[in-house]
């Protein structure tokens, strides 16, 4: 039931974005990622 938007806004509470997650995972969409797949999540930080 996960979507990139729910992962970004619900699980990570806005520390990432659906666009950033898709971009980090080679512009895939959630529909192309299977349950149980481990994805990379870039978290927003800066120096």
ModelCIF file with pLDDT and N, C-alpha, C, O atoms, coordinates in Angstrom:
data_MODEL
#
_entry.id   MODEL 
#
_entity.id                         1 
_entity.type                       polymer 
_entity.pdbx_number_of_molecules   1 
#
_entity_poly.entity_id                      1 
_entity_poly.type                           'polypeptide(L)' 
_entity_poly.nstd_linkage                   no 
_entity_poly.nstd_monomer                   no 
_entity_poly.pdbx_seq_one_letter_code       
;(UNK)(UNK)(UNK)(UNK)(UNK)(UNK)(UNK)(UNK)(UNK)(UNK)(UNK)(UNK)(UNK)(UNK)(UNK)(UNK)
(UNK)(UNK)(UNK)(UNK)(UNK)(UNK)(UNK)(UNK)(UNK)(UNK)(UNK)(UNK)(UNK)(UNK)(UNK)(UNK)
(UNK)(UNK)(UNK)(UNK)(UNK)(UNK)(UNK)(UNK)(UNK)(UNK)(UNK)(UNK)(UNK)(UNK)(UNK)
;
_entity_poly.pdbx_seq_one_letter_code_can   XXXXXXXXXXXXXXXXXXXXXXXXXXXXXXXXXXXXXXXXXXXXXXX 
_entity_poly.pdbx_strand_id                 A 
#
loop_
_entity_poly_seq.entity_id 
_entity_poly_seq.num 
_entity_poly_seq.mon_id 
_entity_poly_seq.hetero 
1 1  UNK n 
1 2  UNK n 
1 3  UNK n 
1 4  UNK n 
1 5  UNK n 
1 6  UNK n 
1 7  UNK n 
1 8  UNK n 
1 9  UNK n 
1 10 UNK n 
1 11 UNK n 
1 12 UNK n 
1 13 UNK n 
1 14 UNK n 
1 15 UNK n 
1 16 UNK n 
1 17 UNK n 
1 18 UNK n 
1 19 UNK n 
1 20 UNK n 
1 21 UNK n 
1 22 UNK n 
1 23 UNK n 
1 24 UNK n 
1 25 UNK n 
1 26 UNK n 
1 27 UNK n 
1 28 UNK n 
1 29 UNK n 
1 30 UNK n 
1 31 UNK n 
1 32 UNK n 
1 33 UNK n 
1 34 UNK n 
1 35 UNK n 
1 36 UNK n 
1 37 UNK n 
1 38 UNK n 
1 39 UNK n 
1 40 UNK n 
1 41 UNK n 
1 42 UNK n 
1 43 UNK n 
1 44 UNK n 
1 45 UNK n 
1 46 UNK n 
1 47 UNK n 
#
_struct_asym.id          A 
_struct_asym.entity_id   1 
#
loop_
_ma_qa_metric.id 
_ma_qa_metric.mode 
_ma_qa_metric.name 
_ma_qa_metric.software_group_id 
_ma_qa_metric.type 
1 global pLDDT . pLDDT 
2 local  pLDDT . pLDDT 
#
_ma_qa_metric_global.metric_id      1 
_ma_qa_metric_global.metric_value   84.17 
_ma_qa_metric_global.model_id       1 
_ma_qa_metric_global.ordinal_id     1 
#
loop_
_ma_qa_metric_local.label_asym_id 
_ma_qa_metric_local.label_comp_id 
_ma_qa_metric_local.label_seq_id 
_ma_qa_metric_local.metric_id 
_ma_qa_metric_local.metric_value 
_ma_qa_metric_local.model_id 
_ma_qa_metric_local.ordinal_id 
A UNK 1  2 78.00 1 1  
A UNK 2  2 82.00 1 2  
A UNK 3  2 85.00 1 3  
A UNK 4  2 87.00 1 4  
A UNK 5  2 85.00 1 5  
A UNK 6  2 87.00 1 6  
A UNK 7  2 91.00 1 7  
A UNK 8  2 91.00 1 8  
A UNK 9  2 88.00 1 9  
A UNK 10 2 88.00 1 10 
A UNK 11 2 92.00 1 11 
A UNK 12 2 95.00 1 12 
A UNK 13 2 93.00 1 13 
A UNK 14 2 92.00 1 14 
A UNK 15 2 95.00 1 15 
A UNK 16 2 93.00 1 16 
A UNK 17 2 91.00 1 17 
A UNK 18 2 88.00 1 18 
A UNK 19 2 88.00 1 19 
A UNK 20 2 89.00 1 20 
A UNK 21 2 90.00 1 21 
A UNK 22 2 87.00 1 22 
A UNK 23 2 86.00 1 23 
A UNK 24 2 85.00 1 24 
A UNK 25 2 83.00 1 25 
A UNK 26 2 76.00 1 26 
A UNK 27 2 67.00 1 27 
A UNK 28 2 68.00 1 28 
A UNK 29 2 64.00 1 29 
A UNK 30 2 60.00 1 30 
A UNK 31 2 55.00 1 31 
A UNK 32 2 59.00 1 32 
A UNK 33 2 67.00 1 33 
A UNK 34 2 73.00 1 34 
A UNK 35 2 77.00 1 35 
A UNK 36 2 80.00 1 36 
A UNK 37 2 83.00 1 37 
A UNK 38 2 85.00 1 38 
A UNK 39 2 89.00 1 39 
A UNK 40 2 89.00 1 40 
A UNK 41 2 93.00 1 41 
A UNK 42 2 94.00 1 42 
A UNK 43 2 95.00 1 43 
A UNK 44 2 94.00 1 44 
A UNK 45 2 94.00 1 45 
A UNK 46 2 93.00 1 46 
A UNK 47 2 92.00 1 47 
#
loop_
_atom_site.group_PDB 
_atom_site.id 
_atom_site.type_symbol 
_atom_site.label_atom_id 
_atom_site.label_alt_id 
_atom_site.label_comp_id 
_atom_site.label_asym_id 
_atom_site.label_entity_id 
_atom_site.label_seq_id 
_atom_site.pdbx_PDB_ins_code 
_atom_site.Cartn_x 
_atom_site.Cartn_y 
_atom_site.Cartn_z 
_atom_site.occupancy 
_atom_site.B_iso_or_equiv 
_atom_site.pdbx_formal_charge 
_atom_site.auth_seq_id 
_atom_site.auth_comp_id 
_atom_site.auth_asym_id 
_atom_site.auth_atom_id 
_atom_site.pdbx_PDB_model_num 
ATOM 1   N N  . UNK A 1 1  ? 0.789  -1.226 0.000   1.00 78.00 ? 1  UNK A N  1 
ATOM 2   C CA . UNK A 1 1  ? 0.000  0.000  0.000   1.00 78.00 ? 1  UNK A CA 1 
ATOM 3   C C  . UNK A 1 1  ? 0.820  1.273  0.000   1.00 78.00 ? 1  UNK A C  1 
ATOM 4   O O  . UNK A 1 1  ? 0.261  2.367  -0.086  1.00 78.00 ? 1  UNK A O  1 
ATOM 5   N N  . UNK A 1 2  ? 2.150  1.151  0.096   1.00 82.00 ? 2  UNK A N  1 
ATOM 6   C CA . UNK A 1 2  ? 2.998  2.346  0.093   1.00 82.00 ? 2  UNK A CA 1 
ATOM 7   C C  . UNK A 1 2  ? 2.991  3.040  -1.265  1.00 82.00 ? 2  UNK A C  1 
ATOM 8   O O  . UNK A 1 2  ? 2.924  2.384  -2.305  1.00 82.00 ? 2  UNK A O  1 
ATOM 9   N N  . UNK A 1 3  ? 3.058  4.338  -1.250  1.00 85.00 ? 3  UNK A N  1 
ATOM 10  C CA . UNK A 1 3  ? 3.371  5.133  -2.433  1.00 85.00 ? 3  UNK A CA 1 
ATOM 11  C C  . UNK A 1 3  ? 4.550  6.008  -2.073  1.00 85.00 ? 3  UNK A C  1 
ATOM 12  O O  . UNK A 1 3  ? 4.851  6.186  -0.893  1.00 85.00 ? 3  UNK A O  1 
ATOM 13  N N  . UNK A 1 4  ? 5.232  6.565  -3.085  1.00 87.00 ? 4  UNK A N  1 
ATOM 14  C CA . UNK A 1 4  ? 6.366  7.441  -2.788  1.00 87.00 ? 4  UNK A CA 1 
ATOM 15  C C  . UNK A 1 4  ? 5.906  8.652  -1.981  1.00 87.00 ? 4  UNK A C  1 
ATOM 16  O O  . UNK A 1 4  ? 6.647  9.160  -1.140  1.00 87.00 ? 4  UNK A O  1 
ATOM 17  N N  . UNK A 1 5  ? 4.671  9.115  -2.240  1.00 85.00 ? 5  UNK A N  1 
ATOM 18  C CA . UNK A 1 5  ? 4.159  10.262 -1.492  1.00 85.00 ? 5  UNK A CA 1 
ATOM 19  C C  . UNK A 1 5  ? 3.916  9.893  -0.030  1.00 85.00 ? 5  UNK A C  1 
ATOM 20  O O  . UNK A 1 5  ? 4.250  10.664 0.870   1.00 85.00 ? 5  UNK A O  1 
ATOM 21  N N  . UNK A 1 6  ? 3.331  8.709  0.210   1.00 87.00 ? 6  UNK A N  1 
ATOM 22  C CA . UNK A 1 6  ? 3.078  8.309  1.593   1.00 87.00 ? 6  UNK A CA 1 
ATOM 23  C C  . UNK A 1 6  ? 4.387  8.018  2.340   1.00 87.00 ? 6  UNK A C  1 
ATOM 24  O O  . UNK A 1 6  ? 4.499  8.279  3.537   1.00 87.00 ? 6  UNK A O  1 
ATOM 25  N N  . UNK A 1 7  ? 5.369  7.475  1.619   1.00 91.00 ? 7  UNK A N  1 
ATOM 26  C CA . UNK A 1 7  ? 6.671  7.225  2.245   1.00 91.00 ? 7  UNK A CA 1 
ATOM 27  C C  . UNK A 1 7  ? 7.312  8.552  2.649   1.00 91.00 ? 7  UNK A C  1 
ATOM 28  O O  . UNK A 1 7  ? 7.842  8.686  3.751   1.00 91.00 ? 7  UNK A O  1 
ATOM 29  N N  . UNK A 1 8  ? 7.256  9.533  1.739   1.00 91.00 ? 8  UNK A N  1 
ATOM 30  C CA . UNK A 1 8  ? 7.888  10.830 2.008   1.00 91.00 ? 8  UNK A CA 1 
ATOM 31  C C  . UNK A 1 8  ? 7.162  11.592 3.105   1.00 91.00 ? 8  UNK A C  1 
ATOM 32  O O  . UNK A 1 8  ? 7.796  12.108 4.025   1.00 91.00 ? 8  UNK A O  1 
ATOM 33  N N  . UNK A 1 9  ? 5.829  11.669 3.018   1.00 88.00 ? 9  UNK A N  1 
ATOM 34  C CA . UNK A 1 9  ? 5.073  12.539 3.925   1.00 88.00 ? 9  UNK A CA 1 
ATOM 35  C C  . UNK A 1 9  ? 4.583  11.850 5.192   1.00 88.00 ? 9  UNK A C  1 
ATOM 36  O O  . UNK A 1 9  ? 4.417  12.500 6.224   1.00 88.00 ? 9  UNK A O  1 
ATOM 37  N N  . UNK A 1 10 ? 4.350  10.540 5.124   1.00 88.00 ? 10 UNK A N  1 
ATOM 38  C CA . UNK A 1 10 ? 3.835  9.843  6.297   1.00 88.00 ? 10 UNK A CA 1 
ATOM 39  C C  . UNK A 1 10 ? 4.962  9.179  7.074   1.00 88.00 ? 10 UNK A C  1 
ATOM 40  O O  . UNK A 1 10 ? 5.174  9.476  8.250   1.00 88.00 ? 10 UNK A O  1 
ATOM 41  N N  . UNK A 1 11 ? 5.683  8.279  6.414   1.00 92.00 ? 11 UNK A N  1 
ATOM 42  C CA . UNK A 1 11 ? 6.763  7.568  7.112   1.00 92.00 ? 11 UNK A CA 1 
ATOM 43  C C  . UNK A 1 11 ? 7.878  8.522  7.527   1.00 92.00 ? 11 UNK A C  1 
ATOM 44  O O  . UNK A 1 11 ? 8.291  8.542  8.687   1.00 92.00 ? 11 UNK A O  1 
ATOM 45  N N  . UNK A 1 12 ? 8.373  9.332  6.546   1.00 95.00 ? 12 UNK A N  1 
ATOM 46  C CA . UNK A 1 12 ? 9.497  10.227 6.823   1.00 95.00 ? 12 UNK A CA 1 
ATOM 47  C C  . UNK A 1 12 ? 9.046  11.655 7.154   1.00 95.00 ? 12 UNK A C  1 
ATOM 48  O O  . UNK A 1 12 ? 9.881  12.532 7.374   1.00 95.00 ? 12 UNK A O  1 
ATOM 49  N N  . UNK A 1 13 ? 7.744  11.888 7.189   1.00 93.00 ? 13 UNK A N  1 
ATOM 50  C CA . UNK A 1 13 ? 7.144  13.121 7.706   1.00 93.00 ? 13 UNK A CA 1 
ATOM 51  C C  . UNK A 1 13 ? 7.567  14.396 6.955   1.00 93.00 ? 13 UNK A C  1 
ATOM 52  O O  . UNK A 1 13 ? 7.410  15.502 7.473   1.00 93.00 ? 13 UNK A O  1 
ATOM 53  N N  . UNK A 1 14 ? 8.100  14.239 5.738   1.00 92.00 ? 14 UNK A N  1 
ATOM 54  C CA . UNK A 1 14 ? 8.527  15.401 4.968   1.00 92.00 ? 14 UNK A CA 1 
ATOM 55  C C  . UNK A 1 14 ? 10.030 15.577 4.928   1.00 92.00 ? 14 UNK A C  1 
ATOM 56  O O  . UNK A 1 14 ? 10.513 16.541 4.334   1.00 92.00 ? 14 UNK A O  1 
ATOM 57  N N  . UNK A 1 15 ? 10.791 14.674 5.544   1.00 95.00 ? 15 UNK A N  1 
ATOM 58  C CA . UNK A 1 15 ? 12.250 14.746 5.469   1.00 95.00 ? 15 UNK A CA 1 
ATOM 59  C C  . UNK A 1 15 ? 12.766 14.370 4.083   1.00 95.00 ? 15 UNK A C  1 
ATOM 60  O O  . UNK A 1 15 ? 13.932 14.603 3.764   1.00 95.00 ? 15 UNK A O  1 
ATOM 61  N N  . UNK A 1 16 ? 11.901 13.792 3.268   1.00 93.00 ? 16 UNK A N  1 
ATOM 62  C CA . UNK A 1 16 ? 12.207 13.543 1.865   1.00 93.00 ? 16 UNK A CA 1 
ATOM 63  C C  . UNK A 1 16 ? 10.964 13.920 1.068   1.00 93.00 ? 16 UNK A C  1 
ATOM 64  O O  . UNK A 1 16 ? 9.940  14.289 1.642   1.00 93.00 ? 16 UNK A O  1 
ATOM 65  N N  . UNK A 1 17 ? 11.058 13.828 -0.241  1.00 91.00 ? 17 UNK A N  1 
ATOM 66  C CA . UNK A 1 17 ? 9.912  14.125 -1.097  1.00 91.00 ? 17 UNK A CA 1 
ATOM 67  C C  . UNK A 1 17 ? 9.722  12.988 -2.084  1.00 91.00 ? 17 UNK A C  1 
ATOM 68  O O  . UNK A 1 17 ? 10.652 12.231 -2.359  1.00 91.00 ? 17 UNK A O  1 
ATOM 69  N N  . UNK A 1 18 ? 8.507  12.872 -2.616  1.00 88.00 ? 18 UNK A N  1 
ATOM 70  C CA . UNK A 1 18 ? 8.241  11.800 -3.582  1.00 88.00 ? 18 UNK A CA 1 
ATOM 71  C C  . UNK A 1 18 ? 9.118  11.963 -4.817  1.00 88.00 ? 18 UNK A C  1 
ATOM 72  O O  . UNK A 1 18 ? 9.557  10.974 -5.404  1.00 88.00 ? 18 UNK A O  1 
ATOM 73  N N  . UNK A 1 19 ? 9.379  13.220 -5.217  1.00 88.00 ? 19 UNK A N  1 
ATOM 74  C CA . UNK A 1 19 ? 10.230 13.450 -6.390  1.00 88.00 ? 19 UNK A CA 1 
ATOM 75  C C  . UNK A 1 19 ? 11.667 12.995 -6.122  1.00 88.00 ? 19 UNK A C  1 
ATOM 76  O O  . UNK A 1 19 ? 12.300 12.371 -6.974  1.00 88.00 ? 19 UNK A O  1 
ATOM 77  N N  . UNK A 1 20 ? 12.176 13.317 -4.921  1.00 89.00 ? 20 UNK A N  1 
ATOM 78  C CA . UNK A 1 20 ? 13.549 12.953 -4.584  1.00 89.00 ? 20 UNK A CA 1 
ATOM 79  C C  . UNK A 1 20 ? 13.709 11.434 -4.498  1.00 89.00 ? 20 UNK A C  1 
ATOM 80  O O  . UNK A 1 20 ? 14.726 10.893 -4.931  1.00 89.00 ? 20 UNK A O  1 
ATOM 81  N N  . UNK A 1 21 ? 12.707 10.744 -3.942  1.00 90.00 ? 21 UNK A N  1 
ATOM 82  C CA . UNK A 1 21 ? 12.773 9.287  -3.839  1.00 90.00 ? 21 UNK A CA 1 
ATOM 83  C C  . UNK A 1 21 ? 12.746 8.658  -5.231  1.00 90.00 ? 21 UNK A C  1 
ATOM 84  O O  . UNK A 1 21 ? 13.511 7.738  -5.519  1.00 90.00 ? 21 UNK A O  1 
ATOM 85  N N  . UNK A 1 22 ? 11.856 9.164  -6.093  1.00 87.00 ? 22 UNK A N  1 
ATOM 86  C CA . UNK A 1 22 ? 11.812 8.645  -7.460  1.00 87.00 ? 22 UNK A CA 1 
ATOM 87  C C  . UNK A 1 22 ? 13.111 8.893  -8.199  1.00 87.00 ? 22 UNK A C  1 
ATOM 88  O O  . UNK A 1 22 ? 13.598 8.024  -8.922  1.00 87.00 ? 22 UNK A O  1 
ATOM 89  N N  . UNK A 1 23 ? 13.673 10.085 -8.016  1.00 86.00 ? 23 UNK A N  1 
ATOM 90  C CA . UNK A 1 23 ? 14.923 10.434 -8.687  1.00 86.00 ? 23 UNK A CA 1 
ATOM 91  C C  . UNK A 1 23 ? 16.078 9.575  -8.179  1.00 86.00 ? 23 UNK A C  1 
ATOM 92  O O  . UNK A 1 23 ? 16.920 9.138  -8.963  1.00 86.00 ? 23 UNK A O  1 
ATOM 93  N N  . UNK A 1 24 ? 16.120 9.332  -6.868  1.00 85.00 ? 24 UNK A N  1 
ATOM 94  C CA . UNK A 1 24 ? 17.201 8.530  -6.282  1.00 85.00 ? 24 UNK A CA 1 
ATOM 95  C C  . UNK A 1 24 ? 17.130 7.086  -6.746  1.00 85.00 ? 24 UNK A C  1 
ATOM 96  O O  . UNK A 1 24 ? 18.151 6.403  -6.831  1.00 85.00 ? 24 UNK A O  1 
ATOM 97  N N  . UNK A 1 25 ? 15.919 6.622  -7.048  1.00 83.00 ? 25 UNK A N  1 
ATOM 98  C CA . UNK A 1 25 ? 15.735 5.236  -7.472  1.00 83.00 ? 25 UNK A CA 1 
ATOM 99  C C  . UNK A 1 25 ? 15.477 5.157  -8.970  1.00 83.00 ? 25 UNK A C  1 
ATOM 100 O O  . UNK A 1 25 ? 14.616 4.416  -9.443  1.00 83.00 ? 25 UNK A O  1 
ATOM 101 N N  . UNK A 1 26 ? 16.266 5.958  -9.702  1.00 76.00 ? 26 UNK A N  1 
ATOM 102 C CA . UNK A 1 26 ? 16.283 5.916  -11.163 1.00 76.00 ? 26 UNK A CA 1 
ATOM 103 C C  . UNK A 1 26 ? 14.933 6.253  -11.777 1.00 76.00 ? 26 UNK A C  1 
ATOM 104 O O  . UNK A 1 26 ? 14.504 5.642  -12.756 1.00 76.00 ? 26 UNK A O  1 
ATOM 105 N N  . UNK A 1 27 ? 14.258 7.263  -11.164 1.00 67.00 ? 27 UNK A N  1 
ATOM 106 C CA . UNK A 1 27 ? 12.994 7.777  -11.687 1.00 67.00 ? 27 UNK A CA 1 
ATOM 107 C C  . UNK A 1 27 ? 11.906 6.705  -11.815 1.00 67.00 ? 27 UNK A C  1 
ATOM 108 O O  . UNK A 1 27 ? 11.035 6.790  -12.680 1.00 67.00 ? 27 UNK A O  1 
ATOM 109 N N  . UNK A 1 28 ? 11.971 5.703  -10.946 1.00 68.00 ? 28 UNK A N  1 
ATOM 110 C CA . UNK A 1 28 ? 10.904 4.709  -10.920 1.00 68.00 ? 28 UNK A CA 1 
ATOM 111 C C  . UNK A 1 28 ? 9.681  5.310  -10.231 1.00 68.00 ? 28 UNK A C  1 
ATOM 112 O O  . UNK A 1 28 ? 9.785  6.289  -9.492  1.00 68.00 ? 28 UNK A O  1 
ATOM 113 N N  . UNK A 1 29 ? 8.542  4.716  -10.483 1.00 64.00 ? 29 UNK A N  1 
ATOM 114 C CA . UNK A 1 29 ? 7.337  5.068  -9.735  1.00 64.00 ? 29 UNK A CA 1 
ATOM 115 C C  . UNK A 1 29 ? 7.008  3.908  -8.813  1.00 64.00 ? 29 UNK A C  1 
ATOM 116 O O  . UNK A 1 29 ? 7.501  2.796  -9.008  1.00 64.00 ? 29 UNK A O  1 
ATOM 117 N N  . UNK A 1 30 ? 6.177  4.161  -7.811  1.00 60.00 ? 30 UNK A N  1 
ATOM 118 C CA . UNK A 1 30 ? 5.866  3.104  -6.844  1.00 60.00 ? 30 UNK A CA 1 
ATOM 119 C C  . UNK A 1 30 ? 5.247  1.896  -7.521  1.00 60.00 ? 30 UNK A C  1 
ATOM 120 O O  . UNK A 1 30 ? 5.421  0.767  -7.062  1.00 60.00 ? 30 UNK A O  1 
ATOM 121 N N  . UNK A 1 31 ? 4.528  2.122  -8.607  1.00 55.00 ? 31 UNK A N  1 
ATOM 122 C CA . UNK A 1 31 ? 3.874  1.006  -9.298  1.00 55.00 ? 31 UNK A CA 1 
ATOM 123 C C  . UNK A 1 31 ? 4.886  0.032  -9.899  1.00 55.00 ? 31 UNK A C  1 
ATOM 124 O O  . UNK A 1 31 ? 4.542  -1.112 -10.198 1.00 55.00 ? 31 UNK A O  1 
ATOM 125 N N  . UNK A 1 32 ? 6.146  0.484  -10.078 1.00 59.00 ? 32 UNK A N  1 
ATOM 126 C CA . UNK A 1 32 ? 7.181  -0.377 -10.641 1.00 59.00 ? 32 UNK A CA 1 
ATOM 127 C C  . UNK A 1 32 ? 8.061  -0.997 -9.562  1.00 59.00 ? 32 UNK A C  1 
ATOM 128 O O  . UNK A 1 32 ? 9.006  -1.722 -9.876  1.00 59.00 ? 32 UNK A O  1 
ATOM 129 N N  . UNK A 1 33 ? 7.762  -0.720 -8.293  1.00 67.00 ? 33 UNK A N  1 
ATOM 130 C CA . UNK A 1 33 ? 8.545  -1.249 -7.183  1.00 67.00 ? 33 UNK A CA 1 
ATOM 131 C C  . UNK A 1 33 ? 7.683  -2.222 -6.391  1.00 67.00 ? 33 UNK A C  1 
ATOM 132 O O  . UNK A 1 33 ? 6.574  -1.880 -5.981  1.00 67.00 ? 33 UNK A O  1 
ATOM 133 N N  . UNK A 1 34 ? 8.189  -3.433 -6.173  1.00 73.00 ? 34 UNK A N  1 
ATOM 134 C CA . UNK A 1 34 ? 7.412  -4.477 -5.524  1.00 73.00 ? 34 UNK A CA 1 
ATOM 135 C C  . UNK A 1 34 ? 7.503  -4.375 -4.005  1.00 73.00 ? 34 UNK A C  1 
ATOM 136 O O  . UNK A 1 34 ? 8.486  -3.875 -3.459  1.00 73.00 ? 34 UNK A O  1 
ATOM 137 N N  . UNK A 1 35 ? 6.461  -4.857 -3.337  1.00 77.00 ? 35 UNK A N  1 
ATOM 138 C CA . UNK A 1 35 ? 6.477  -4.951 -1.880  1.00 77.00 ? 35 UNK A CA 1 
ATOM 139 C C  . UNK A 1 35 ? 7.675  -5.792 -1.446  1.00 77.00 ? 35 UNK A C  1 
ATOM 140 O O  . UNK A 1 35 ? 7.930  -6.858 -2.007  1.00 77.00 ? 35 UNK A O  1 
ATOM 141 N N  . UNK A 1 36 ? 8.399  -5.312 -0.454  1.00 80.00 ? 36 UNK A N  1 
ATOM 142 C CA . UNK A 1 36 ? 9.602  -5.990 0.006   1.00 80.00 ? 36 UNK A CA 1 
ATOM 143 C C  . UNK A 1 36 ? 10.877 -5.468 -0.623  1.00 80.00 ? 36 UNK A C  1 
ATOM 144 O O  . UNK A 1 36 ? 11.973 -5.835 -0.200  1.00 80.00 ? 36 UNK A O  1 
ATOM 145 N N  . UNK A 1 37 ? 10.747 -4.608 -1.639  1.00 83.00 ? 37 UNK A N  1 
ATOM 146 C CA . UNK A 1 37 ? 11.918 -4.026 -2.282  1.00 83.00 ? 37 UNK A CA 1 
ATOM 147 C C  . UNK A 1 37 ? 12.532 -2.954 -1.374  1.00 83.00 ? 37 UNK A C  1 
ATOM 148 O O  . UNK A 1 37 ? 11.814 -2.133 -0.804  1.00 83.00 ? 37 UNK A O  1 
ATOM 149 N N  . UNK A 1 38 ? 13.829 -2.966 -1.249  1.00 85.00 ? 38 UNK A N  1 
ATOM 150 C CA . UNK A 1 38 ? 14.527 -1.937 -0.476  1.00 85.00 ? 38 UNK A CA 1 
ATOM 151 C C  . UNK A 1 38 ? 14.910 -0.792 -1.410  1.00 85.00 ? 38 UNK A C  1 
ATOM 152 O O  . UNK A 1 38 ? 15.591 -1.005 -2.414  1.00 85.00 ? 38 UNK A O  1 
ATOM 153 N N  . UNK A 1 39 ? 14.477 0.406  -1.082  1.00 89.00 ? 39 UNK A N  1 
ATOM 154 C CA . UNK A 1 39 ? 14.773 1.579  -1.900  1.00 89.00 ? 39 UNK A CA 1 
ATOM 155 C C  . UNK A 1 39 ? 15.645 2.549  -1.117  1.00 89.00 ? 39 UNK A C  1 
ATOM 156 O O  . UNK A 1 39 ? 15.700 2.502  0.112   1.00 89.00 ? 39 UNK A O  1 
ATOM 157 N N  . UNK A 1 40 ? 16.325 3.430  -1.845  1.00 89.00 ? 40 UNK A N  1 
ATOM 158 C CA . UNK A 1 40 ? 17.122 4.486  -1.226  1.00 89.00 ? 40 UNK A CA 1 
ATOM 159 C C  . UNK A 1 40 ? 16.240 5.706  -0.990  1.00 89.00 ? 40 UNK A C  1 
ATOM 160 O O  . UNK A 1 40 ? 15.415 6.059  -1.833  1.00 89.00 ? 40 UNK A O  1 
ATOM 161 N N  . UNK A 1 41 ? 16.420 6.338  0.147   1.00 93.00 ? 41 UNK A N  1 
ATOM 162 C CA . UNK A 1 41 ? 15.646 7.535  0.485   1.00 93.00 ? 41 UNK A CA 1 
ATOM 163 C C  . UNK A 1 41 ? 16.616 8.661  0.844   1.00 93.00 ? 41 UNK A C  1 
ATOM 164 O O  . UNK A 1 41 ? 17.300 8.575  1.864   1.00 93.00 ? 41 UNK A O  1 
ATOM 165 N N  . UNK A 1 42 ? 16.689 9.722  0.022   1.00 94.00 ? 42 UNK A N  1 
ATOM 166 C CA . UNK A 1 42 ? 17.553 10.866 0.355   1.00 94.00 ? 42 UNK A CA 1 
ATOM 167 C C  . UNK A 1 42 ? 16.844 11.795 1.333   1.00 94.00 ? 42 UNK A C  1 
ATOM 168 O O  . UNK A 1 42 ? 15.722 12.233 1.079   1.00 94.00 ? 42 UNK A O  1 
ATOM 169 N N  . UNK A 1 43 ? 17.492 12.092 2.440   1.00 95.00 ? 43 UNK A N  1 
ATOM 170 C CA . UNK A 1 43 ? 16.911 12.963 3.465   1.00 95.00 ? 43 UNK A CA 1 
ATOM 171 C C  . UNK A 1 43 ? 17.440 14.385 3.296   1.00 95.00 ? 43 UNK A C  1 
ATOM 172 O O  . UNK A 1 43 ? 18.608 14.586 2.961   1.00 95.00 ? 43 UNK A O  1 
ATOM 173 N N  . UNK A 1 44 ? 16.583 15.355 3.525   1.00 94.00 ? 44 UNK A N  1 
ATOM 174 C CA . UNK A 1 44 ? 16.914 16.759 3.277   1.00 94.00 ? 44 UNK A CA 1 
ATOM 175 C C  . UNK A 1 44 ? 17.785 17.316 4.407   1.00 94.00 ? 44 UNK A C  1 
ATOM 176 O O  . UNK A 1 44 ? 17.359 17.385 5.560   1.00 94.00 ? 44 UNK A O  1 
ATOM 177 N N  . UNK A 1 45 ? 18.997 17.706 4.056   1.00 94.00 ? 45 UNK A N  1 
ATOM 178 C CA . UNK A 1 45 ? 19.900 18.332 5.015   1.00 94.00 ? 45 UNK A CA 1 
ATOM 179 C C  . UNK A 1 45 ? 20.782 19.297 4.239   1.00 94.00 ? 45 UNK A C  1 
ATOM 180 O O  . UNK A 1 45 ? 20.753 19.312 3.008   1.00 94.00 ? 45 UNK A O  1 
ATOM 181 N N  . UNK A 1 46 ? 21.558 20.094 4.940   1.00 93.00 ? 46 UNK A N  1 
ATOM 182 C CA . UNK A 1 46 ? 22.420 21.066 4.265   1.00 93.00 ? 46 UNK A CA 1 
ATOM 183 C C  . UNK A 1 46 ? 23.557 21.476 5.187   1.00 93.00 ? 46 UNK A C  1 
ATOM 184 O O  . UNK A 1 46 ? 23.479 21.316 6.405   1.00 93.00 ? 46 UNK A O  1 
ATOM 185 N N  . UNK A 1 47 ? 24.617 22.009 4.582   1.00 92.00 ? 47 UNK A N  1 
ATOM 186 C CA . UNK A 1 47 ? 25.757 22.549 5.325   1.00 92.00 ? 47 UNK A CA 1 
ATOM 187 C C  . UNK A 1 47 ? 25.765 24.070 5.177   1.00 92.00 ? 47 UNK A C  1 
ATOM 188 O O  . UNK A 1 47 ? 26.642 24.739 5.723   1.00 92.00 ? 47 UNK A O  1 
#
